Amino acid sequence: PTDISVMVTGESGVGKEHIPRIIHSLSHRKHGKYIAVNCGAIPEGTIDSELFGHEKGAFTGATSTREGYFEVADGGTIFLDEVGELPLTTQVRLLRVLENGEFIKVGSSQVQKTNVRIVAATNVNLFNAIEKGKFREDLYYRLTTVEITLPPLRERNEDIHLLFRKFVADFAHKYKMPPLKLDDDAVQLLQKFRWNGNIRQLRNVAEQISVLETNRDISLATLQSY
């Protein structure tokens, strides 16, 4: 068991979000909280409050004290997805957590301690972001003690049909319908397709076919229509 920081890299849709949850579930922190944060979806003006909390009156609309994710997840794991989208000021705060396990709420001067494992993910080249002054180099190395790179689906053809079968089985259970079965030509097309949207796109196609097709034996022509 270890608490080293992990960076998960790969194109959008390759399934990066599954890795941190697996890491958490296999760690000694598995009974602690697991919080996933999409850094690119939180406005720059509120990200510090979301991550580190704020005191009452810290800014307009702060009518009460709020605990941030690093306080709530103490003893657990935080997954920072799209970590390259963090503002530089937030990166400084995050670096302090990684170096000392310390943070300060917005509007406070009191240093608080937290014991959180951080797993981050990105679909952009952070070295380019560092060169452009958009990402701190010291933070990059703190976050990337171990790097896990997930290849795109088009580079692991042998996984495509297995994943598709898993998805259609899940959707058959979800929608209470018989599972789908592809003929050999349809399987070949499935494995030759580039899947630029990766696992997310494959899952979406599996769900569409599962819901829309009354004939559960899927031919090449049927698959091509999706």
C-alpha atoms as a PDB file:
ATOM      1  CA  PRO A   1       0.000   0.000   0.000  1.00  0.00           C
ATOM      2  CA  THR A   2       1.264   3.429  -0.908  1.00  0.00           C
ATOM      3  CA  ASP A   3       0.003   6.991  -1.080  1.00  0.00           C
ATOM      4  CA  ILE A   4       2.137   8.196  -3.977  1.00  0.00           C
ATOM      5  CA  SER A   5       0.500  10.550  -6.457  1.00  0.00           C
ATOM      6  CA  VAL A   6      -0.643   9.095  -9.762  1.00  0.00           C
ATOM      7  CA  MET A   7      -1.209  10.864 -13.078  1.00  0.00           C
ATOM      8  CA  VAL A   8      -3.483   9.169 -15.623  1.00  0.00           C
ATOM      9  CA  THR A   9      -3.006  10.358 -19.197  1.00  0.00           C
ATOM     10  CA  GLY A  10      -4.757   9.570 -22.444  1.00  0.00           C
ATOM     11  CA  GLU A  11      -7.175  10.879 -25.033  1.00  0.00           C
ATOM     12  CA  SER A  12     -10.683  11.938 -24.115  1.00  0.00           C
ATOM     13  CA  GLY A  13     -12.995   8.956 -23.726  1.00  0.00           C
ATOM     14  CA  VAL A  14     -10.388   6.245 -23.041  1.00  0.00           C
ATOM     15  CA  GLY A  15     -11.760   5.558 -19.553  1.00  0.00           C
ATOM     16  CA  LYS A  16      -9.308   7.507 -17.390  1.00  0.00           C
ATOM     17  CA  GLU A  17     -11.990   8.059 -14.753  1.00  0.00           C
ATOM     18  CA  HIS A  18     -12.068   4.340 -13.898  1.00  0.00           C
ATOM     19  CA  ILE A  19      -8.403   4.135 -12.839  1.00  0.00           C
ATOM     20  CA  PRO A  20      -8.587   6.422  -9.761  1.00  0.00           C
ATOM     21  CA  ARG A  21     -11.633   4.571  -8.428  1.00  0.00           C
ATOM     22  CA  ILE A  22      -9.800   1.245  -8.781  1.00  0.00           C
ATOM     23  CA  ILE A  23      -6.727   2.695  -7.053  1.00  0.00           C
ATOM     24  CA  HIS A  24      -8.916   3.942  -4.202  1.00  0.00           C
ATOM     25  CA  SER A  25     -10.789   0.640  -3.824  1.00  0.00           C
ATOM     26  CA  LEU A  26      -7.535  -1.331  -3.590  1.00  0.00           C
ATOM     27  CA  SER A  27      -5.857   1.030  -1.118  1.00  0.00           C
ATOM     28  CA  HIS A  28      -5.989   1.275   2.654  1.00  0.00           C
ATOM     29  CA  ARG A  29      -8.180   4.352   2.081  1.00  0.00           C
ATOM     30  CA  LYS A  30     -11.007   2.304   0.550  1.00  0.00           C
ATOM     31  CA  HIS A  31     -13.324   2.974   3.503  1.00  0.00           C
ATOM     32  CA  GLY A  32     -12.668   6.721   3.253  1.00  0.00           C
ATOM     33  CA  LYS A  33     -14.400   9.128   0.914  1.00  0.00           C
ATOM     34  CA  TYR A  34     -13.725   9.174  -2.816  1.00  0.00           C
ATOM     35  CA  ILE A  35     -14.437  12.489  -4.526  1.00  0.00           C
ATOM     36  CA  ALA A  36     -14.100  13.081  -8.271  1.00  0.00           C
ATOM     37  CA  VAL A  37     -13.645  16.681  -9.394  1.00  0.00           C
ATOM     38  CA  ASN A  38     -13.810  17.849 -13.010  1.00  0.00           C
ATOM     39  CA  CYS A  39     -11.454  20.821 -12.830  1.00  0.00           C
ATOM     40  CA  GLY A  40     -12.488  22.046 -16.270  1.00  0.00           C
ATOM     41  CA  ALA A  41     -16.168  22.253 -15.332  1.00  0.00           C
ATOM     42  CA  ILE A  42     -15.825  24.541 -12.300  1.00  0.00           C
ATOM     43  CA  PRO A  43     -15.631  28.315 -12.944  1.00  0.00           C
ATOM     44  CA  GLU A  44     -12.293  29.909 -12.091  1.00  0.00           C
ATOM     45  CA  GLY A  45     -13.963  32.180  -9.547  1.00  0.00           C
ATOM     46  CA  THR A  46     -15.295  29.302  -7.440  1.00  0.00           C
ATOM     47  CA  ILE A  47     -12.714  26.518  -7.842  1.00  0.00           C
ATOM     48  CA  ASP A  48     -10.732  27.496  -4.721  1.00  0.00           C
ATOM     49  CA  SER A  49     -13.909  27.496  -2.652  1.00  0.00           C
ATOM     50  CA  GLU A  50     -14.919  24.095  -4.052  1.00  0.00           C
ATOM     51  CA  LEU A  51     -11.547  22.507  -3.329  1.00  0.00           C
ATOM     52  CA  PHE A  52     -10.507  24.227  -0.102  1.00  0.00           C
ATOM     53  CA  GLY A  53     -13.733  25.665   1.336  1.00  0.00           C
ATOM     54  CA  HIS A  54     -14.492  29.203   2.461  1.00  0.00           C
ATOM     55  CA  GLU A  55     -15.369  31.184   5.547  1.00  0.00           C
ATOM     56  CA  LYS A  56     -18.643  33.021   5.998  1.00  0.00           C
ATOM     57  CA  GLY A  57     -18.368  36.437   4.370  1.00  0.00           C
ATOM     58  CA  ALA A  58     -15.283  35.506   2.332  1.00  0.00           C
ATOM     59  CA  PHE A  59     -16.986  36.839  -0.804  1.00  0.00           C
ATOM     60  CA  THR A  60     -20.392  38.039  -1.953  1.00  0.00           C
ATOM     61  CA  GLY A  61     -22.860  35.217  -1.481  1.00  0.00           C
ATOM     62  CA  ALA A  62     -20.775  33.350   1.105  1.00  0.00           C
ATOM     63  CA  THR A  63     -23.561  33.327   3.695  1.00  0.00           C
ATOM     64  CA  SER A  64     -22.095  30.443   5.660  1.00  0.00           C
ATOM     65  CA  THR A  65     -18.833  28.574   6.181  1.00  0.00           C
ATOM     66  CA  ARG A  66     -18.306  25.770   3.665  1.00  0.00           C
ATOM     67  CA  GLU A  67     -16.097  22.718   3.816  1.00  0.00           C
ATOM     68  CA  GLY A  68     -14.092  22.091   0.651  1.00  0.00           C
ATOM     69  CA  TYR A  69     -13.330  18.734  -0.921  1.00  0.00           C
ATOM     70  CA  PHE A  70      -9.925  18.481   0.756  1.00  0.00           C
ATOM     71  CA  GLU A  71     -11.594  18.784   4.157  1.00  0.00           C
ATOM     72  CA  VAL A  72     -14.504  16.470   3.346  1.00  0.00           C
ATOM     73  CA  ALA A  73     -12.238  13.791   1.838  1.00  0.00           C
ATOM     74  CA  ASP A  74      -9.744  13.744   4.725  1.00  0.00           C
ATOM     75  CA  GLY A  75      -8.522  10.146   4.966  1.00  0.00           C
ATOM     76  CA  GLY A  76      -9.743   9.361   1.460  1.00  0.00           C
ATOM     77  CA  THR A  77      -8.917  10.023  -2.178  1.00  0.00           C
ATOM     78  CA  ILE A  78      -9.537  12.960  -4.502  1.00  0.00           C
ATOM     79  CA  PHE A  79      -9.537  12.506  -8.268  1.00  0.00           C
ATOM     80  CA  LEU A  80      -8.702  15.717 -10.136  1.00  0.00           C
ATOM     81  CA  ASP A  81      -9.848  15.224 -13.717  1.00  0.00           C
ATOM     82  CA  GLU A  82      -8.675  17.712 -16.369  1.00  0.00           C
ATOM     83  CA  VAL A  83      -6.080  18.942 -13.880  1.00  0.00           C
ATOM     84  CA  GLY A  84      -4.422  21.004 -16.612  1.00  0.00           C
ATOM     85  CA  GLU A  85      -7.409  23.370 -16.495  1.00  0.00           C
ATOM     86  CA  LEU A  86      -6.644  24.561 -12.954  1.00  0.00           C
ATOM     87  CA  PRO A  87      -5.840  28.289 -12.654  1.00  0.00           C
ATOM     88  CA  LEU A  88      -2.266  29.072 -11.607  1.00  0.00           C
ATOM     89  CA  THR A  89      -3.406  30.487  -8.253  1.00  0.00           C
ATOM     90  CA  THR A  90      -5.202  27.221  -7.489  1.00  0.00           C
ATOM     91  CA  GLN A  91      -2.125  25.265  -8.564  1.00  0.00           C
ATOM     92  CA  VAL A  92      -0.137  27.041  -5.835  1.00  0.00           C
ATOM     93  CA  ARG A  93      -2.709  25.978  -3.215  1.00  0.00           C
ATOM     94  CA  LEU A  94      -2.683  22.408  -4.526  1.00  0.00           C
ATOM     95  CA  LEU A  95       1.115  22.279  -4.397  1.00  0.00           C
ATOM     96  CA  ARG A  96       0.969  23.169  -0.700  1.00  0.00           C
ATOM     97  CA  VAL A  97      -1.388  20.242  -0.068  1.00  0.00           C
ATOM     98  CA  LEU A  98       0.964  17.875  -1.876  1.00  0.00           C
ATOM     99  CA  GLU A  99       4.075  19.145  -0.100  1.00  0.00           C
ATOM    100  CA  ASN A 100       2.787  19.645   3.442  1.00  0.00           C
ATOM    101  CA  GLY A 101      -0.769  18.316   3.640  1.00  0.00           C
ATOM    102  CA  GLU A 102      -1.884  21.870   4.422  1.00  0.00           C
ATOM    103  CA  PHE A 103      -4.502  24.248   3.041  1.00  0.00           C
ATOM    104  CA  ILE A 104      -6.233  27.482   3.974  1.00  0.00           C
ATOM    105  CA  LYS A 105      -9.911  28.162   3.356  1.00  0.00           C
ATOM    106  CA  VAL A 106     -10.808  31.151   1.210  1.00  0.00           C
ATOM    107  CA  GLY A 107     -11.216  34.133   3.536  1.00  0.00           C
ATOM    108  CA  SER A 108      -9.338  32.487   6.407  1.00  0.00           C
ATOM    109  CA  SER A 109      -5.820  32.753   7.779  1.00  0.00           C
ATOM    110  CA  GLN A 110      -5.941  29.469   9.676  1.00  0.00           C
ATOM    111  CA  VAL A 111      -3.852  26.609   8.307  1.00  0.00           C
ATOM    112  CA  GLN A 112      -5.686  23.269   8.254  1.00  0.00           C
ATOM    113  CA  LYS A 113      -4.272  19.783   7.780  1.00  0.00           C
ATOM    114  CA  THR A 114      -5.602  17.143   5.444  1.00  0.00           C
ATOM    115  CA  ASN A 115      -4.564  13.577   4.691  1.00  0.00           C
ATOM    116  CA  VAL A 116      -5.756  12.966   1.159  1.00  0.00           C
ATOM    117  CA  ARG A 117      -4.368  10.927  -1.697  1.00  0.00           C
ATOM    118  CA  ILE A 118      -4.489  12.760  -5.021  1.00  0.00           C
ATOM    119  CA  VAL A 119      -4.930  11.044  -8.366  1.00  0.00           C
ATOM    120  CA  ALA A 120      -4.996  13.381 -11.368  1.00  0.00           C
ATOM    121  CA  ALA A 121      -5.825  12.963 -15.039  1.00  0.00           C
ATOM    122  CA  THR A 122      -5.325  14.948 -18.211  1.00  0.00           C
ATOM    123  CA  ASN A 123      -5.954  14.603 -21.932  1.00  0.00           C
ATOM    124  CA  VAL A 124      -3.565  17.434 -22.833  1.00  0.00           C
ATOM    125  CA  ASN A 125       0.223  17.594 -22.990  1.00  0.00           C
ATOM    126  CA  LEU A 126       1.174  19.224 -19.699  1.00  0.00           C
ATOM    127  CA  PHE A 127       4.749  19.826 -20.881  1.00  0.00           C
ATOM    128  CA  ASN A 128       3.318  22.159 -23.525  1.00  0.00           C
ATOM    129  CA  ALA A 129       1.260  23.862 -20.831  1.00  0.00           C
ATOM    130  CA  ILE A 130       4.415  24.269 -18.716  1.00  0.00           C
ATOM    131  CA  GLU A 131       6.283  25.830 -21.644  1.00  0.00           C
ATOM    132  CA  LYS A 132       3.402  28.268 -22.167  1.00  0.00           C
ATOM    133  CA  GLY A 133       3.400  29.212 -18.486  1.00  0.00           C
ATOM    134  CA  LYS A 134      -0.050  27.721 -17.893  1.00  0.00           C
ATOM    135  CA  PHE A 135       1.005  24.881 -15.592  1.00  0.00           C
ATOM    136  CA  ARG A 136       3.591  24.782 -12.814  1.00  0.00           C
ATOM    137  CA  GLU A 137       6.510  22.440 -13.418  1.00  0.00           C
ATOM    138  CA  ASP A 138       6.958  21.719  -9.696  1.00  0.00           C
ATOM    139  CA  LEU A 139       3.289  20.751  -9.437  1.00  0.00           C
ATOM    140  CA  TYR A 140       3.597  18.488 -12.471  1.00  0.00           C
ATOM    141  CA  TYR A 141       6.376  16.458 -10.863  1.00  0.00           C
ATOM    142  CA  ARG A 142       4.525  16.306  -7.545  1.00  0.00           C
ATOM    143  CA  LEU A 143       1.447  14.921  -9.284  1.00  0.00           C
ATOM    144  CA  THR A 144       3.341  12.516 -11.540  1.00  0.00           C
ATOM    145  CA  THR A 145       5.213  10.227  -9.165  1.00  0.00           C
ATOM    146  CA  VAL A 146       3.683   7.414 -11.221  1.00  0.00           C
ATOM    147  CA  GLU A 147       2.193   7.946 -14.684  1.00  0.00           C
ATOM    148  CA  ILE A 148      -0.384   5.599 -16.180  1.00  0.00           C
ATOM    149  CA  THR A 149      -1.025   6.118 -19.894  1.00  0.00           C
ATOM    150  CA  LEU A 150      -4.169   4.623 -21.399  1.00  0.00           C
ATOM    151  CA  PRO A 151      -3.799   4.012 -25.142  1.00  0.00           C
ATOM    152  CA  PRO A 152      -6.667   4.946 -27.471  1.00  0.00           C
ATOM    153  CA  LEU A 153      -9.121   2.222 -28.379  1.00  0.00           C
ATOM    154  CA  ARG A 154      -7.846   2.030 -31.974  1.00  0.00           C
ATOM    155  CA  GLU A 155      -4.500   0.797 -30.606  1.00  0.00           C
ATOM    156  CA  ARG A 156      -6.045  -2.088 -28.671  1.00  0.00           C
ATOM    157  CA  ASN A 157      -8.275  -3.814 -31.205  1.00  0.00           C
ATOM    158  CA  GLU A 158      -8.455  -6.983 -29.139  1.00  0.00           C
ATOM    159  CA  ASP A 159     -10.351  -5.072 -26.438  1.00  0.00           C
ATOM    160  CA  ILE A 160     -13.048  -3.585 -28.667  1.00  0.00           C
ATOM    161  CA  HIS A 161     -15.327  -6.615 -29.027  1.00  0.00           C
ATOM    162  CA  LEU A 162     -14.851  -7.573 -25.369  1.00  0.00           C
ATOM    163  CA  LEU A 163     -15.872  -4.090 -24.258  1.00  0.00           C
ATOM    164  CA  PHE A 164     -18.811  -4.038 -26.668  1.00  0.00           C
ATOM    165  CA  ARG A 165     -20.068  -7.369 -25.296  1.00  0.00           C
ATOM    166  CA  LYS A 166     -19.741  -6.031 -21.751  1.00  0.00           C
ATOM    167  CA  PHE A 167     -21.694  -2.888 -22.640  1.00  0.00           C
ATOM    168  CA  VAL A 168     -24.535  -4.686 -24.441  1.00  0.00           C
ATOM    169  CA  ALA A 169     -24.829  -7.152 -21.546  1.00  0.00           C
ATOM    170  CA  ASP A 170     -25.110  -4.220 -19.130  1.00  0.00           C
ATOM    171  CA  PHE A 171     -27.735  -2.514 -21.295  1.00  0.00           C
ATOM    172  CA  ALA A 172     -29.677  -5.747 -21.729  1.00  0.00           C
ATOM    173  CA  HIS A 173     -29.912  -5.936 -17.938  1.00  0.00           C
ATOM    174  CA  LYS A 174     -30.710  -2.229 -17.592  1.00  0.00           C
ATOM    175  CA  TYR A 175     -33.482  -2.195 -20.205  1.00  0.00           C
ATOM    176  CA  LYS A 176     -34.663  -5.770 -19.513  1.00  0.00           C
ATOM    177  CA  MET A 177     -34.077  -6.903 -23.091  1.00  0.00           C
ATOM    178  CA  PRO A 178     -32.276  -9.912 -24.619  1.00  0.00           C
ATOM    179  CA  PRO A 179     -28.555  -9.270 -25.243  1.00  0.00           C
ATOM    180  CA  LEU A 180     -27.303  -8.430 -28.715  1.00  0.00           C
ATOM    181  CA  LYS A 181     -25.097 -10.695 -30.797  1.00  0.00           C
ATOM    182  CA  LEU A 182     -22.923  -9.507 -33.689  1.00  0.00           C
ATOM    183  CA  ASP A 183     -22.261 -11.660 -36.737  1.00  0.00           C
ATOM    184  CA  ASP A 184     -18.634 -12.186 -37.823  1.00  0.00           C
ATOM    185  CA  ASP A 185     -18.650  -9.384 -40.410  1.00  0.00           C
ATOM    186  CA  ALA A 186     -20.059  -6.946 -37.869  1.00  0.00           C
ATOM    187  CA  VAL A 187     -17.327  -7.916 -35.388  1.00  0.00           C
ATOM    188  CA  GLN A 188     -14.665  -7.218 -38.039  1.00  0.00           C
ATOM    189  CA  LEU A 189     -16.144  -3.776 -38.727  1.00  0.00           C
ATOM    190  CA  LEU A 190     -16.283  -3.066 -35.009  1.00  0.00           C
ATOM    191  CA  GLN A 191     -12.577  -3.844 -34.672  1.00  0.00           C
ATOM    192  CA  LYS A 192     -11.489  -1.960 -37.811  1.00  0.00           C
ATOM    193  CA  PHE A 193     -13.333   1.253 -36.961  1.00  0.00           C
ATOM    194  CA  ARG A 194     -11.086   4.035 -35.586  1.00  0.00           C
ATOM    195  CA  TRP A 195     -13.296   4.988 -32.601  1.00  0.00           C
ATOM    196  CA  ASN A 196     -11.973   8.526 -32.287  1.00  0.00           C
ATOM    197  CA  GLY A 197     -14.329   8.992 -29.335  1.00  0.00           C
ATOM    198  CA  ASN A 198     -12.787   5.894 -27.718  1.00  0.00           C
ATOM    199  CA  ILE A 199     -14.674   3.914 -25.057  1.00  0.00           C
ATOM    200  CA  ARG A 200     -17.263   6.659 -24.626  1.00  0.00           C
ATOM    201  CA  GLN A 201     -18.205   6.430 -28.317  1.00  0.00           C
ATOM    202  CA  LEU A 202     -18.245   2.610 -28.282  1.00  0.00           C
ATOM    203  CA  ARG A 203     -20.499   2.591 -25.228  1.00  0.00           C
ATOM    204  CA  ASN A 204     -22.837   5.104 -26.847  1.00  0.00           C
ATOM    205  CA  VAL A 205     -23.188   2.972 -29.989  1.00  0.00           C
ATOM    206  CA  ALA A 206     -23.782  -0.133 -27.864  1.00  0.00           C
ATOM    207  CA  GLU A 207     -26.576   1.645 -25.994  1.00  0.00           C
ATOM    208  CA  GLN A 208     -28.216   2.980 -29.163  1.00  0.00           C
ATOM    209  CA  ILE A 209     -28.291  -0.443 -30.792  1.00  0.00           C
ATOM    210  CA  SER A 210     -29.471  -2.087 -27.567  1.00  0.00           C
ATOM    211  CA  VAL A 211     -32.447   0.251 -27.328  1.00  0.00           C
ATOM    212  CA  LEU A 212     -33.431   0.617 -30.984  1.00  0.00           C
ATOM    213  CA  GLU A 213     -32.940  -2.828 -32.560  1.00  0.00           C
ATOM    214  CA  THR A 214     -35.776  -5.344 -32.163  1.00  0.00           C
ATOM    215  CA  ASN A 215     -33.762  -8.016 -33.995  1.00  0.00           C
ATOM    216  CA  ARG A 216     -31.051  -8.936 -31.476  1.00  0.00           C
ATOM    217  CA  ASP A 217     -28.818 -10.580 -34.124  1.00  0.00           C
ATOM    218  CA  ILE A 218     -26.830  -7.648 -35.494  1.00  0.00           C
ATOM    219  CA  SER A 219     -25.546  -7.824 -39.068  1.00  0.00           C
ATOM    220  CA  LEU A 220     -22.826  -5.791 -40.755  1.00  0.00           C
ATOM    221  CA  ALA A 221     -25.459  -3.657 -42.529  1.00  0.00           C
ATOM    222  CA  THR A 222     -27.247  -2.921 -39.263  1.00  0.00           C
ATOM    223  CA  LEU A 223     -24.038  -1.923 -37.496  1.00  0.00           C
ATOM    224  CA  GLN A 224     -23.040   0.319 -40.421  1.00  0.00           C
ATOM    225  CA  SER A 225     -26.242   2.332 -39.944  1.00  0.00           C
ATOM    226  CA  TYR A 226     -24.869   3.568 -36.611  1.00  0.00           C
END
